[in-house]
Amino acid sequence: MDEEYDAIVLGTGLKECILSGMLSVSGKKVLHIDRNKYYGGESASITPLEDLLSKYNLNNEGDQYGRGRDWNVDLIPKFLMANGQLVKLLIHTGVTRYLEFKSVEGSYVYKGGRISKVPADEREALASDLMGLFEKRRFKNFLIFVQEYNLEDPKTWKDFDARTMTMAQLYEKFGLDENTRDFTGHALGLQRDDDYVKAPAYSTMKRIKLYSESLARYGKSPYLYPMYGLGELPQGFARLSAIYGGTYMLDKPVDEIVMEGGKVVGVKSGEEIARCKQVYCDPSYVSDRVKKVGQVIRAICLLDHPIPNTKDALSTQIIIPQKQVGRKSDIYVSLVSYTHQVAAKGWFVAMVSTTVETATPEEEIRPGLALLGNIRQKFVTVSDYYEPTEDGTSNQIFISSSYDATTHFETTCLDVLDIFKRGTGEDFDFSKVKHTLEEDM
């Protein structure tokens, strides 16, 4: 450990493992340390089931939940957009060689006390039970406009400059009603609250296009999920870093981040000091350099059946837009199952999550829990959400934000790419990775 590195990465959560892989591929000498004995940090997968049960002082009496070793439960489950940033990272870095993915079967939105499939193209819009006949036609025209819109070609703008005009103005342009705006922004645009309607429309338009492009790749939904759970992702990027010379140390205490002249110069563990030019880490390693900005509640639920009214889908996502339940932020529901090798035969793992707004967090997720039917076991956690107090450019300590309540990885990837750019001064070079991997194969 008594060596000098370009970068030291603390924690093996997904964000830190992605960064470690990206830095290694970019030619940096990287040391990756975790105080835990396992990969994944907050985003770890727990196996066997007995480990999760014991955490809540429970047990698997008589194998009532099937064989414990067949379970692999994510603490923070999230889906990947099939055409999203994380999948592009996986493909371009070659991490896909270590992983296998399965398409998520359903994508639903909650409206008026029931759930409906999210329409993502003109055909689905006309068949949807979310809208009346005339509204369907308006929504169809809206989707066509968004799909054809090109910032480089003003002919596609039709007098609408999406760089300056707001999403509210775009909705008005097509005469969409409040309910349609609600599921469009939250279930297709994956916005977490309604602040987006006041912002320039192009950001949300890109998100809607991403949803449709991702759906087009596999047909059932825009989402993918790795076999054996999300714990495989950090390990995949860890392998990538190791291929490019990265060094890993698990079960290694971190006693101090060493500073000189206001900049980081190393990390101390016991009597050893590893010198470095930069540190990348999760908030748990730098409690004095982050601020708590909220909380997230997550309920992991074990089921012996699919979620009702989803056509017996063995995996699905449901978004409950904030207005539907009188909230300021959305509620997210996800379901995976034994078909993903994360549960015993015939069993399902559901997650209900949201940003905490009151003093009674579990009451806040009740609308999501009510959709699940009979819950055989439930594990509830409330986690603090932290953000860094500075961008890291002055002291060279680059800190990730905590994981939010969303059930997709788009916000995670945006954070990773932003941290990489702040730390290196440049965007990640995808083409260089692909070329190098091809040379190695």
Protein backbone atom coordinates (compact mmCIF):
# COMPACT_ATOMS: atom_id res chain seq x y z
CA MET A 1 0.00 0.00 0.00
CA ASP A 2 2.97 2.34 0.56
CA GLU A 3 3.03 3.44 -3.07
CA GLU A 4 1.91 6.47 -5.05
CA TYR A 5 -1.25 6.39 -7.16
CA ASP A 6 -2.99 8.74 -9.54
CA ALA A 7 -6.28 8.10 -7.73
CA ILE A 8 -7.54 6.25 -4.68
CA VAL A 9 -11.19 5.19 -4.69
CA LEU A 10 -12.89 4.58 -1.33
CA GLY A 11 -15.93 2.29 -1.19
CA THR A 12 -17.10 -0.35 -3.66
CA GLY A 13 -20.61 0.93 -4.27
CA LEU A 14 -21.71 0.88 -7.90
CA LYS A 15 -20.75 4.52 -8.53
CA GLU A 16 -17.27 4.05 -7.10
CA CYS A 17 -16.70 0.80 -9.03
CA ILE A 18 -17.76 2.44 -12.29
CA LEU A 19 -15.39 5.35 -11.60
CA SER A 20 -12.56 2.98 -10.74
CA GLY A 21 -13.05 1.17 -14.04
CA MET A 22 -13.27 4.39 -16.05
CA LEU A 23 -10.15 5.85 -14.42
CA SER A 24 -8.16 2.64 -14.94
CA VAL A 25 -9.20 2.44 -18.58
CA SER A 26 -8.14 6.07 -19.00
CA GLY A 27 -4.61 5.15 -17.99
CA LYS A 28 -4.70 6.13 -14.30
CA LYS A 29 -2.93 4.09 -11.63
CA VAL A 30 -5.81 3.30 -9.24
CA LEU A 31 -5.98 1.86 -5.73
CA HIS A 32 -9.49 0.84 -4.66
CA ILE A 33 -10.19 0.34 -0.93
CA ASP A 34 -13.29 -0.74 0.99
CA ARG A 35 -13.61 -1.07 4.74
CA ASN A 36 -16.14 -3.89 4.16
CA LYS A 37 -15.36 -7.52 3.31
CA TYR A 38 -17.73 -7.47 0.32
CA TYR A 39 -18.33 -5.50 -2.87
CA GLY A 40 -21.30 -3.19 -3.35
CA GLY A 41 -21.48 -0.95 -0.29
CA GLU A 42 -24.98 0.50 -0.07
CA SER A 43 -25.86 -1.11 -3.40
CA ALA A 44 -24.83 -4.66 -2.39
CA SER A 45 -26.91 -7.78 -2.97
CA ILE A 46 -27.50 -9.96 0.12
CA THR A 47 -27.17 -13.73 -0.12
CA PRO A 48 -28.20 -16.10 1.35
CA LEU A 49 -31.62 -14.94 2.53
CA GLU A 50 -30.70 -15.84 6.11
CA ASP A 51 -28.27 -12.90 6.16
CA LEU A 52 -31.08 -10.48 5.33
CA LEU A 53 -33.47 -12.10 7.81
CA SER A 54 -30.93 -12.01 10.64
CA LYS A 55 -30.41 -8.31 10.02
CA TYR A 56 -34.05 -7.88 11.10
CA ASN A 57 -33.92 -10.59 13.83
CA LEU A 58 -35.92 -13.07 11.73
CA ASN A 59 -35.23 -16.58 10.44
CA ASN A 60 -36.26 -18.94 7.63
CA GLU A 61 -38.05 -21.52 9.78
CA GLY A 62 -38.72 -24.73 7.91
CA ASP A 63 -37.47 -23.14 4.69
CA GLN A 64 -40.76 -21.23 4.51
CA TYR A 65 -39.19 -18.97 1.86
CA GLY A 66 -37.53 -21.83 -0.03
CA ARG A 67 -33.80 -22.44 0.01
CA GLY A 68 -31.95 -19.46 1.45
CA ARG A 69 -29.03 -19.83 -0.95
CA ASP A 70 -31.38 -19.26 -3.90
CA TRP A 71 -32.01 -15.67 -2.80
CA ASN A 72 -29.92 -12.67 -3.84
CA VAL A 73 -31.71 -9.55 -2.61
CA ASP A 74 -30.65 -6.05 -3.68
CA LEU A 75 -30.62 -3.44 -0.92
CA ILE A 76 -31.20 -0.71 -3.50
CA PRO A 77 -32.76 -2.31 -6.59
CA LYS A 78 -32.74 -0.31 -9.80
CA PHE A 79 -33.45 -1.09 -13.43
CA LEU A 80 -31.29 -0.16 -16.42
CA MET A 81 -32.74 1.73 -19.38
CA ALA A 82 -31.99 -0.50 -22.38
CA ASN A 83 -30.58 2.45 -24.34
CA GLY A 84 -29.43 4.45 -21.32
CA GLN A 85 -26.07 5.70 -20.09
CA LEU A 86 -25.24 2.72 -17.88
CA VAL A 87 -25.87 0.16 -20.63
CA LYS A 88 -23.68 2.24 -22.97
CA LEU A 89 -20.95 2.24 -20.31
CA LEU A 90 -21.31 -1.54 -19.90
CA ILE A 91 -21.10 -2.15 -23.64
CA HIS A 92 -18.25 0.24 -24.38
CA THR A 93 -16.14 -0.90 -21.44
CA GLY A 94 -16.71 -4.59 -22.16
CA VAL A 95 -18.22 -5.28 -18.73
CA THR A 96 -21.11 -7.04 -20.50
CA ARG A 97 -18.80 -10.06 -20.92
CA TYR A 98 -19.21 -10.69 -17.17
CA LEU A 99 -22.98 -10.19 -17.00
CA GLU A 100 -26.25 -11.51 -18.37
CA PHE A 101 -29.40 -9.38 -18.56
CA LYS A 102 -33.10 -10.06 -18.80
CA SER A 103 -35.77 -7.67 -20.07
CA VAL A 104 -38.27 -6.39 -17.50
CA GLU A 105 -41.76 -7.46 -18.56
CA GLY A 106 -43.93 -4.48 -17.68
CA SER A 107 -43.91 -0.71 -17.21
CA TYR A 108 -46.96 0.78 -15.52
CA VAL A 109 -48.25 4.08 -14.16
CA TYR A 110 -50.77 4.67 -11.38
CA LYS A 111 -53.81 6.81 -12.10
CA GLY A 112 -57.08 7.18 -10.24
CA GLY A 113 -56.50 4.23 -7.92
CA ARG A 114 -55.45 1.69 -10.54
CA ILE A 115 -52.45 0.93 -12.75
CA SER A 116 -52.19 1.05 -16.53
CA LYS A 117 -49.46 0.22 -19.02
CA VAL A 118 -47.32 3.23 -19.96
CA PRO A 119 -47.90 4.13 -23.64
CA ALA A 120 -44.59 4.98 -25.31
CA ASP A 121 -45.42 5.17 -29.01
CA GLU A 122 -48.29 6.22 -31.26
CA ARG A 123 -49.76 2.70 -31.47
CA GLU A 124 -49.81 2.24 -27.71
CA ALA A 125 -51.19 5.73 -27.23
CA LEU A 126 -54.25 4.88 -29.32
CA ALA A 127 -54.83 1.63 -27.39
CA SER A 128 -54.26 3.08 -23.89
CA ASP A 129 -57.01 3.20 -21.27
CA LEU A 130 -55.38 6.27 -19.69
CA MET A 131 -57.02 8.71 -22.12
CA GLY A 132 -60.21 9.41 -23.99
CA LEU A 133 -60.39 9.27 -27.80
CA PHE A 134 -59.62 12.94 -28.55
CA GLU A 135 -56.86 13.08 -25.93
CA LYS A 136 -55.27 9.97 -27.49
CA ARG A 137 -54.97 11.77 -30.82
CA ARG A 138 -53.42 14.84 -29.19
CA PHE A 139 -50.98 12.63 -27.29
CA LYS A 140 -50.10 10.71 -30.47
CA ASN A 141 -49.24 13.99 -32.22
CA PHE A 142 -47.20 15.05 -29.20
CA LEU A 143 -45.14 11.83 -29.30
CA ILE A 144 -44.52 12.15 -33.05
CA PHE A 145 -43.31 15.73 -32.53
CA VAL A 146 -40.94 14.71 -29.73
CA GLN A 147 -39.53 11.78 -31.72
CA GLU A 148 -38.90 13.89 -34.82
CA TYR A 149 -37.54 16.95 -32.99
CA ASN A 150 -33.90 17.68 -33.86
CA LEU A 151 -32.02 20.65 -32.43
CA GLU A 152 -29.75 20.63 -35.49
CA ASP A 153 -32.70 20.93 -37.89
CA PRO A 154 -34.96 23.96 -37.24
CA LYS A 155 -37.44 22.57 -39.78
CA THR A 156 -38.50 20.05 -37.11
CA TRP A 157 -39.13 22.72 -34.48
CA LYS A 158 -42.52 23.94 -35.76
CA ASP A 159 -42.02 27.31 -34.03
CA PHE A 160 -41.04 25.66 -30.73
CA ASP A 161 -37.52 26.31 -29.44
CA ALA A 162 -37.04 23.55 -26.84
CA ARG A 163 -33.84 25.20 -25.57
CA THR A 164 -35.73 28.19 -24.15
CA MET A 165 -39.44 27.30 -24.11
CA THR A 166 -40.71 25.26 -21.17
CA MET A 167 -42.30 21.85 -20.91
CA ALA A 168 -45.50 23.54 -19.73
CA GLN A 169 -45.55 25.48 -23.01
CA LEU A 170 -45.06 22.28 -24.99
CA TYR A 171 -47.99 20.64 -23.22
CA GLU A 172 -50.08 23.72 -24.02
CA LYS A 173 -49.02 23.58 -27.67
CA PHE A 174 -50.62 20.14 -27.99
CA GLY A 175 -53.52 20.81 -25.61
CA LEU A 176 -52.69 17.88 -23.30
CA ASP A 177 -54.80 17.64 -20.14
CA GLU A 178 -53.44 17.45 -16.58
CA ASN A 179 -53.66 13.65 -16.33
CA THR A 180 -51.75 13.14 -19.57
CA ARG A 181 -49.10 15.64 -18.51
CA ASP A 182 -48.81 13.78 -15.22
CA PHE A 183 -47.98 10.33 -16.60
CA THR A 184 -45.93 11.78 -19.49
CA GLY A 185 -43.54 13.69 -17.25
CA HIS A 186 -43.23 11.05 -14.54
CA ALA A 187 -43.60 7.67 -16.30
CA LEU A 188 -41.99 8.49 -19.68
CA GLY A 189 -39.79 11.46 -18.77
CA LEU A 190 -38.89 9.87 -15.39
CA GLN A 191 -38.99 13.24 -13.65
CA ARG A 192 -39.11 12.96 -9.85
CA ASP A 193 -41.28 16.02 -9.17
CA ASP A 194 -43.14 18.74 -11.07
CA ASP A 195 -40.36 21.34 -11.13
CA TYR A 196 -39.47 20.13 -14.62
CA VAL A 197 -42.51 21.84 -16.20
CA LYS A 198 -40.89 25.25 -15.61
CA ALA A 199 -37.55 24.22 -17.13
CA PRO A 200 -36.57 24.21 -20.84
CA ALA A 201 -38.45 21.40 -22.55
CA TYR A 202 -35.52 19.76 -24.32
CA SER A 203 -34.27 17.92 -21.23
CA THR A 204 -37.59 16.13 -20.72
CA MET A 205 -38.00 15.57 -24.46
CA LYS A 206 -34.65 13.73 -24.50
CA ARG A 207 -35.82 11.56 -21.60
CA ILE A 208 -39.06 10.66 -23.43
CA LYS A 209 -37.06 9.77 -26.55
CA LEU A 210 -34.74 7.61 -24.43
CA TYR A 211 -37.74 5.77 -22.99
CA SER A 212 -39.13 5.07 -26.48
CA GLU A 213 -35.74 4.05 -27.92
CA SER A 214 -35.16 1.71 -24.98
CA LEU A 215 -38.61 0.18 -25.39
CA ALA A 216 -37.94 -0.40 -29.09
CA ARG A 217 -34.93 -2.59 -28.29
CA TYR A 218 -36.83 -5.34 -26.47
CA GLY A 219 -40.55 -4.55 -26.76
CA LYS A 220 -42.03 -5.38 -23.34
CA SER A 221 -40.58 -2.46 -21.38
CA PRO A 222 -37.60 -0.12 -21.67
CA TYR A 223 -35.87 -1.73 -18.68
CA LEU A 224 -33.23 -4.43 -18.17
CA TYR A 225 -32.12 -6.20 -15.00
CA PRO A 226 -28.97 -8.31 -14.43
CA MET A 227 -29.29 -11.99 -13.61
CA TYR A 228 -28.29 -12.71 -9.99
CA GLY A 229 -28.98 -9.10 -8.96
CA LEU A 230 -27.24 -5.76 -9.04
CA GLY A 231 -24.33 -6.99 -6.95
CA GLU A 232 -22.88 -8.32 -10.20
CA LEU A 233 -22.46 -4.78 -11.57
CA PRO A 234 -19.88 -3.44 -9.08
CA GLN A 235 -17.89 -6.66 -9.41
CA GLY A 236 -17.97 -6.39 -13.21
CA PHE A 237 -16.47 -2.91 -13.13
CA ALA A 238 -13.99 -4.05 -10.46
CA ARG A 239 -12.79 -6.77 -12.86
CA LEU A 240 -12.47 -4.15 -15.58
CA SER A 241 -10.30 -1.96 -13.34
CA ALA A 242 -8.13 -4.96 -12.43
CA ILE A 243 -7.60 -5.79 -16.12
CA TYR A 244 -6.21 -2.29 -16.63
CA GLY A 245 -3.93 -2.47 -13.59
CA GLY A 246 -6.20 -1.34 -10.75
CA THR A 247 -5.40 -2.66 -7.26
CA TYR A 248 -8.19 -3.74 -4.86
CA MET A 249 -8.15 -4.06 -1.09
CA LEU A 250 -11.28 -5.23 0.77
CA ASP A 251 -11.63 -5.29 4.56
CA LYS A 252 -9.15 -2.42 4.79
CA PRO A 253 -9.86 0.31 7.37
CA VAL A 254 -9.54 3.94 6.26
CA ASP A 255 -8.31 6.01 9.20
CA GLU A 256 -7.60 9.35 7.55
CA ILE A 257 -7.60 11.24 4.28
CA VAL A 258 -4.24 13.04 4.40
CA MET A 259 -4.22 16.70 3.33
CA GLU A 260 -1.38 19.12 2.61
CA GLY A 261 -1.91 22.74 1.63
CA GLY A 262 -5.66 22.21 1.25
CA LYS A 263 -5.26 19.32 -1.20
CA VAL A 264 -5.42 15.57 -0.75
CA VAL A 265 -2.05 13.79 -0.85
CA GLY A 266 -2.91 10.33 0.46
CA VAL A 267 -4.98 7.90 2.50
CA LYS A 268 -3.85 6.45 5.82
CA SER A 269 -4.72 2.94 7.02
CA GLY A 270 -3.06 1.94 10.28
CA GLU A 271 0.62 2.75 9.93
CA GLU A 272 0.51 2.75 6.13
CA ILE A 273 -0.04 5.75 3.86
CA ALA A 274 -0.85 5.42 0.18
CA ARG A 275 0.04 8.63 -1.66
CA CYS A 276 -2.23 9.97 -4.37
CA LYS A 277 -3.22 12.99 -6.43
CA GLN A 278 -7.00 12.47 -6.10
CA VAL A 279 -9.56 10.66 -3.95
CA TYR A 280 -12.98 9.47 -5.16
CA CYS A 281 -15.40 8.22 -2.50
CA ASP A 282 -18.94 7.77 -1.25
CA PRO A 283 -20.34 10.07 1.48
CA SER A 284 -19.67 7.59 4.33
CA TYR A 285 -15.92 8.20 4.09
CA VAL A 286 -16.10 12.01 4.41
CA SER A 287 -18.88 12.89 6.85
CA ASP A 288 -17.41 16.40 7.30
CA ARG A 289 -17.60 17.15 3.58
CA VAL A 290 -21.22 16.24 2.86
CA LYS A 291 -24.61 17.61 3.85
CA LYS A 292 -27.83 15.76 4.55
CA VAL A 293 -30.49 16.98 2.16
CA GLY A 294 -33.26 14.46 2.88
CA GLN A 295 -34.16 10.83 3.46
CA VAL A 296 -35.29 7.88 1.36
CA ILE A 297 -37.57 5.09 2.59
CA ARG A 298 -37.33 1.65 1.00
CA ALA A 299 -39.45 -1.41 1.76
CA ILE A 300 -38.17 -4.77 0.48
CA CYS A 301 -41.15 -7.14 0.26
CA LEU A 302 -41.13 -10.91 -0.31
CA LEU A 303 -44.13 -12.13 -2.32
CA ASP A 304 -45.27 -15.52 -3.55
CA HIS A 305 -47.18 -14.06 -6.52
CA PRO A 306 -46.86 -11.40 -9.23
CA ILE A 307 -48.24 -7.92 -8.58
CA PRO A 308 -52.01 -8.00 -9.27
CA ASN A 309 -53.28 -6.35 -12.48
CA THR A 310 -49.92 -6.63 -14.29
CA LYS A 311 -50.93 -9.58 -16.49
CA ASP A 312 -48.88 -11.87 -14.22
CA ALA A 313 -45.66 -10.11 -15.19
CA LEU A 314 -42.65 -11.76 -13.53
CA SER A 315 -40.92 -8.37 -13.38
CA THR A 316 -42.26 -4.85 -13.59
CA GLN A 317 -41.97 -1.21 -12.62
CA ILE A 318 -44.83 0.97 -11.45
CA ILE A 319 -44.55 4.73 -10.99
CA ILE A 320 -47.06 6.56 -8.80
CA PRO A 321 -46.92 10.23 -9.84
CA GLN A 322 -46.92 12.65 -6.91
CA LYS A 323 -50.23 14.33 -7.72
CA GLN A 324 -52.08 11.02 -7.76
CA VAL A 325 -51.50 10.62 -4.02
CA GLY A 326 -51.16 14.25 -2.89
CA ARG A 327 -47.37 14.30 -2.55
CA LYS A 328 -44.40 16.40 -3.66
CA SER A 329 -42.40 13.43 -5.01
CA ASP A 330 -43.19 10.16 -6.78
CA ILE A 331 -43.50 6.68 -5.27
CA TYR A 332 -41.66 3.86 -7.08
CA VAL A 333 -42.53 0.16 -7.14
CA SER A 334 -40.31 -2.51 -8.71
CA LEU A 335 -40.62 -6.29 -8.94
CA VAL A 336 -38.11 -9.00 -9.85
CA SER A 337 -38.41 -12.75 -9.36
CA TYR A 338 -36.97 -16.25 -9.42
CA THR A 339 -36.59 -15.89 -13.21
CA HIS A 340 -33.71 -13.47 -12.50
CA GLN A 341 -32.04 -15.92 -10.07
CA VAL A 342 -32.66 -13.56 -7.14
CA ALA A 343 -35.32 -15.60 -5.31
CA ALA A 344 -36.32 -19.21 -4.64
CA LYS A 345 -38.60 -20.91 -7.17
CA GLY A 346 -42.03 -19.26 -7.26
CA TRP A 347 -40.95 -16.22 -5.19
CA PHE A 348 -40.75 -12.50 -5.96
CA VAL A 349 -38.94 -9.49 -4.52
CA ALA A 350 -40.77 -6.16 -4.62
CA MET A 351 -39.42 -2.79 -3.58
CA VAL A 352 -41.43 0.31 -2.72
CA SER A 353 -39.50 3.55 -2.29
CA THR A 354 -39.91 7.31 -2.12
CA THR A 355 -38.36 10.49 -0.80
CA VAL A 356 -39.44 11.07 2.80
CA GLU A 357 -41.69 14.10 3.29
CA THR A 358 -43.26 13.57 6.74
CA ALA A 359 -42.54 12.21 10.21
CA THR A 360 -44.28 8.91 9.31
CA PRO A 361 -42.32 7.54 6.31
CA GLU A 362 -44.02 4.14 6.16
CA GLU A 363 -47.40 5.80 5.75
CA GLU A 364 -46.00 7.60 2.71
CA ILE A 365 -45.35 4.36 0.81
CA ARG A 366 -48.71 2.81 1.71
CA PRO A 367 -50.19 3.47 -1.79
CA GLY A 368 -47.33 1.43 -3.26
CA LEU A 369 -47.59 -1.36 -0.70
CA ALA A 370 -51.33 -1.61 -1.38
CA LEU A 371 -50.62 -2.58 -4.99
CA LEU A 372 -48.61 -5.66 -4.01
CA GLY A 373 -51.37 -7.88 -2.64
CA ASN A 374 -50.45 -10.24 0.21
CA ILE A 375 -46.93 -9.47 1.49
CA ARG A 376 -45.24 -12.48 3.09
CA GLN A 377 -42.38 -10.50 4.64
CA LYS A 378 -41.38 -6.83 4.68
CA PHE A 379 -38.09 -5.10 5.52
CA VAL A 380 -38.23 -1.32 5.90
CA THR A 381 -35.25 1.04 6.02
CA VAL A 382 -35.02 4.82 6.11
CA SER A 383 -31.70 6.14 4.81
CA ASP A 384 -30.24 9.62 4.92
CA TYR A 385 -29.53 11.21 1.54
CA TYR A 386 -26.23 13.10 1.30
CA GLU A 387 -24.69 15.44 -1.25
CA PRO A 388 -21.13 16.85 -1.30
CA THR A 389 -20.67 20.42 -0.05
CA GLU A 390 -18.10 21.24 -2.76
CA ASP A 391 -17.29 20.03 -6.27
CA GLY A 392 -13.81 18.69 -5.40
CA THR A 393 -11.80 20.72 -7.90
CA SER A 394 -9.91 22.67 -5.22
CA ASN A 395 -9.07 19.84 -2.78
CA GLN A 396 -9.23 16.96 -5.34
CA ILE A 397 -11.70 14.95 -3.25
CA PHE A 398 -14.61 13.92 -5.48
CA ILE A 399 -17.67 12.64 -3.61
CA SER A 400 -20.72 10.87 -5.01
CA SER A 401 -24.26 11.60 -3.89
CA SER A 402 -26.32 8.98 -2.06
CA TYR A 403 -28.69 6.76 -4.05
CA ASP A 404 -32.08 8.37 -4.63
CA ALA A 405 -35.54 6.76 -4.50
CA THR A 406 -35.83 6.12 -8.24
CA THR A 407 -35.98 2.58 -9.57
CA HIS A 408 -33.80 3.34 -12.61
CA PHE A 409 -30.10 4.14 -12.99
CA GLU A 410 -30.21 7.30 -15.11
CA THR A 411 -29.56 9.69 -12.18
CA THR A 412 -26.74 7.40 -10.97
CA CYS A 413 -24.99 7.55 -14.35
CA LEU A 414 -25.33 11.31 -14.61
CA ASP A 415 -23.61 11.64 -11.23
CA VAL A 416 -20.77 9.29 -12.28
CA LEU A 417 -20.13 11.06 -15.59
CA ASP A 418 -20.21 14.47 -13.87
CA ILE A 419 -17.70 13.31 -11.21
CA PHE A 420 -15.40 11.87 -13.89
CA LYS A 421 -15.43 15.14 -15.84
CA ARG A 422 -14.73 17.21 -12.71
CA GLY A 423 -11.89 14.90 -11.74
CA THR A 424 -10.20 14.57 -15.12
CA GLY A 425 -11.30 17.78 -16.84
CA GLU A 426 -12.71 15.89 -19.80
CA ASP A 427 -15.62 13.71 -20.88
CA PHE A 428 -15.07 9.95 -20.77
CA ASP A 429 -13.65 8.67 -24.06
CA PHE A 430 -15.86 5.73 -24.96
CA SER A 431 -14.13 5.09 -28.29
CA LYS A 432 -10.73 4.60 -26.64
CA VAL A 433 -12.16 1.90 -24.37
CA LYS A 434 -13.77 -0.02 -27.19
CA HIS A 435 -10.57 0.08 -29.26
CA THR A 436 -8.42 -1.10 -26.36
CA LEU A 437 -10.78 -3.96 -25.50
CA GLU A 438 -10.86 -5.12 -29.10
CA GLU A 439 -7.07 -5.22 -29.06
CA ASP A 440 -7.14 -7.37 -25.90
CA MET A 441 -9.66 -9.89 -27.26
